[in-house]
Amino acid sequence: MNICLTGSSLTSSEVVRVARQGAVVELGKEAVEQINVASSFVRKIVQDKVPVYGINTGFGSLCNAHIGSQDLGKLQENLIL
């Protein structure tokens, strides 16, 4: 059975099914819409060069360090890793 992520209805039993039973995860229409809204918001921040913690600045003691647009993808990748 697939687990459909909507952005508001994930249960702990569904998480267990994914982690232990290999259930397939898919994005629901609602989740895709929320992702697109958030993505547009972040793109606007980057375009306008507004400093926003963790989007185009460093973290912690590096919060005042501006991250250039060429390095933003790597910043987010490192955050996930």
C-alpha atoms as a PDB file:
ATOM      1  CA  MET A   1       0.000   0.000   0.000  1.00  0.00           C
ATOM      2  CA  ASN A   2       1.324   3.450  -0.953  1.00  0.00           C
ATOM      3  CA  ILE A   3       1.598   6.285   1.522  1.00  0.00           C
ATOM      4  CA  CYS A   4       0.340   9.575   0.101  1.00  0.00           C
ATOM      5  CA  LEU A   5       1.900  12.651   1.683  1.00  0.00           C
ATOM      6  CA  THR A   6      -0.556  15.531   1.823  1.00  0.00           C
ATOM      7  CA  GLY A   7       1.358  17.817   4.165  1.00  0.00           C
ATOM      8  CA  SER A   8      -1.076  17.334   7.023  1.00  0.00           C
ATOM      9  CA  SER A   9      -2.082  13.725   7.546  1.00  0.00           C
ATOM     10  CA  LEU A  10       1.012  11.554   8.085  1.00  0.00           C
ATOM     11  CA  THR A  11       0.582   9.097  10.946  1.00  0.00           C
ATOM     12  CA  SER A  12       3.221   7.289  12.981  1.00  0.00           C
ATOM     13  CA  SER A  13       1.927   3.932  11.691  1.00  0.00           C
ATOM     14  CA  GLU A  14       2.521   5.141   8.111  1.00  0.00           C
ATOM     15  CA  VAL A  15       6.086   6.113   9.011  1.00  0.00           C
ATOM     16  CA  VAL A  16       6.598   2.615  10.418  1.00  0.00           C
ATOM     17  CA  ARG A  17       5.201   1.048   7.226  1.00  0.00           C
ATOM     18  CA  VAL A  18       7.681   3.031   5.149  1.00  0.00           C
ATOM     19  CA  ALA A  19      10.664   2.347   7.437  1.00  0.00           C
ATOM     20  CA  ARG A  20      10.025  -1.308   8.182  1.00  0.00           C
ATOM     21  CA  GLN A  21       7.852  -2.630   5.400  1.00  0.00           C
ATOM     22  CA  GLY A  22       9.092  -0.645   2.414  1.00  0.00           C
ATOM     23  CA  ALA A  23       5.812   1.125   1.670  1.00  0.00           C
ATOM     24  CA  VAL A  24       6.068   3.422  -1.331  1.00  0.00           C
ATOM     25  CA  VAL A  25       5.716   7.151  -0.665  1.00  0.00           C
ATOM     26  CA  GLU A  26       4.039   9.483  -3.127  1.00  0.00           C
ATOM     27  CA  LEU A  27       3.292  13.185  -3.008  1.00  0.00           C
ATOM     28  CA  GLY A  28      -0.344  14.199  -3.032  1.00  0.00           C
ATOM     29  CA  LYS A  29      -1.649  17.190  -4.937  1.00  0.00           C
ATOM     30  CA  GLU A  30      -1.872  19.239  -1.727  1.00  0.00           C
ATOM     31  CA  ALA A  31       1.765  18.577  -0.853  1.00  0.00           C
ATOM     32  CA  VAL A  32       2.945  19.479  -4.357  1.00  0.00           C
ATOM     33  CA  GLU A  33       1.032  22.757  -4.140  1.00  0.00           C
ATOM     34  CA  GLN A  34       2.611  23.550  -0.761  1.00  0.00           C
ATOM     35  CA  ILE A  35       6.078  22.725  -2.112  1.00  0.00           C
ATOM     36  CA  ASN A  36       5.531  25.014  -5.094  1.00  0.00           C
ATOM     37  CA  VAL A  37       4.414  27.903  -2.846  1.00  0.00           C
ATOM     38  CA  ALA A  38       7.460  27.460  -0.601  1.00  0.00           C
ATOM     39  CA  SER A  39       9.775  27.178  -3.589  1.00  0.00           C
ATOM     40  CA  SER A  40       8.438  30.425  -5.061  1.00  0.00           C
ATOM     41  CA  PHE A  41       8.936  32.139  -1.711  1.00  0.00           C
ATOM     42  CA  VAL A  42      12.560  30.980  -1.492  1.00  0.00           C
ATOM     43  CA  ARG A  43      13.253  31.944  -5.113  1.00  0.00           C
ATOM     44  CA  LYS A  44      11.977  35.473  -4.361  1.00  0.00           C
ATOM     45  CA  ILE A  45      14.252  35.734  -1.308  1.00  0.00           C
ATOM     46  CA  VAL A  46      17.260  34.672  -3.375  1.00  0.00           C
ATOM     47  CA  GLN A  47      16.344  36.974  -6.257  1.00  0.00           C
ATOM     48  CA  ASP A  48      15.894  39.980  -3.955  1.00  0.00           C
ATOM     49  CA  LYS A  49      19.061  39.092  -2.012  1.00  0.00           C
ATOM     50  CA  VAL A  50      17.235  39.439   1.299  1.00  0.00           C
ATOM     51  CA  PRO A  51      19.337  37.758   4.026  1.00  0.00           C
ATOM     52  CA  VAL A  52      17.299  34.922   5.546  1.00  0.00           C
ATOM     53  CA  TYR A  53      18.841  32.549   8.071  1.00  0.00           C
ATOM     54  CA  GLY A  54      19.712  29.195   6.498  1.00  0.00           C
ATOM     55  CA  ILE A  55      18.479  30.100   3.036  1.00  0.00           C
ATOM     56  CA  ASN A  56      21.265  32.429   1.977  1.00  0.00           C
ATOM     57  CA  THR A  57      23.238  32.759   5.211  1.00  0.00           C
ATOM     58  CA  GLY A  58      25.318  30.370   7.224  1.00  0.00           C
ATOM     59  CA  PHE A  59      24.067  28.673  10.392  1.00  0.00           C
ATOM     60  CA  GLY A  60      24.828  29.269  14.062  1.00  0.00           C
ATOM     61  CA  SER A  61      27.837  31.512  14.543  1.00  0.00           C
ATOM     62  CA  LEU A  62      27.985  31.947  10.747  1.00  0.00           C
ATOM     63  CA  CYS A  63      24.486  33.434  10.615  1.00  0.00           C
ATOM     64  CA  ASN A  64      25.875  36.744   9.381  1.00  0.00           C
ATOM     65  CA  ALA A  65      27.890  35.112   6.593  1.00  0.00           C
ATOM     66  CA  HIS A  66      26.266  35.692   3.211  1.00  0.00           C
ATOM     67  CA  ILE A  67      26.247  32.661   0.910  1.00  0.00           C
ATOM     68  CA  GLY A  68      26.594  33.544  -2.777  1.00  0.00           C
ATOM     69  CA  SER A  69      23.911  32.377  -5.192  1.00  0.00           C
ATOM     70  CA  GLN A  70      26.371  29.989  -6.859  1.00  0.00           C
ATOM     71  CA  ASP A  71      26.752  28.115  -3.535  1.00  0.00           C
ATOM     72  CA  LEU A  72      23.125  27.998  -2.340  1.00  0.00           C
ATOM     73  CA  GLY A  73      22.455  24.557  -3.791  1.00  0.00           C
ATOM     74  CA  LYS A  74      25.491  23.151  -1.993  1.00  0.00           C
ATOM     75  CA  LEU A  75      24.395  24.835   1.256  1.00  0.00           C
ATOM     76  CA  GLN A  76      21.017  23.101   1.129  1.00  0.00           C
ATOM     77  CA  GLU A  77      22.585  19.785   0.102  1.00  0.00           C
ATOM     78  CA  ASN A  78      24.978  19.953   3.063  1.00  0.00           C
ATOM     79  CA  LEU A  79      22.079  20.764   5.383  1.00  0.00           C
ATOM     80  CA  ILE A  80      20.261  17.598   4.306  1.00  0.00           C
ATOM     81  CA  LEU A  81      23.384  15.459   4.590  1.00  0.00           C
END
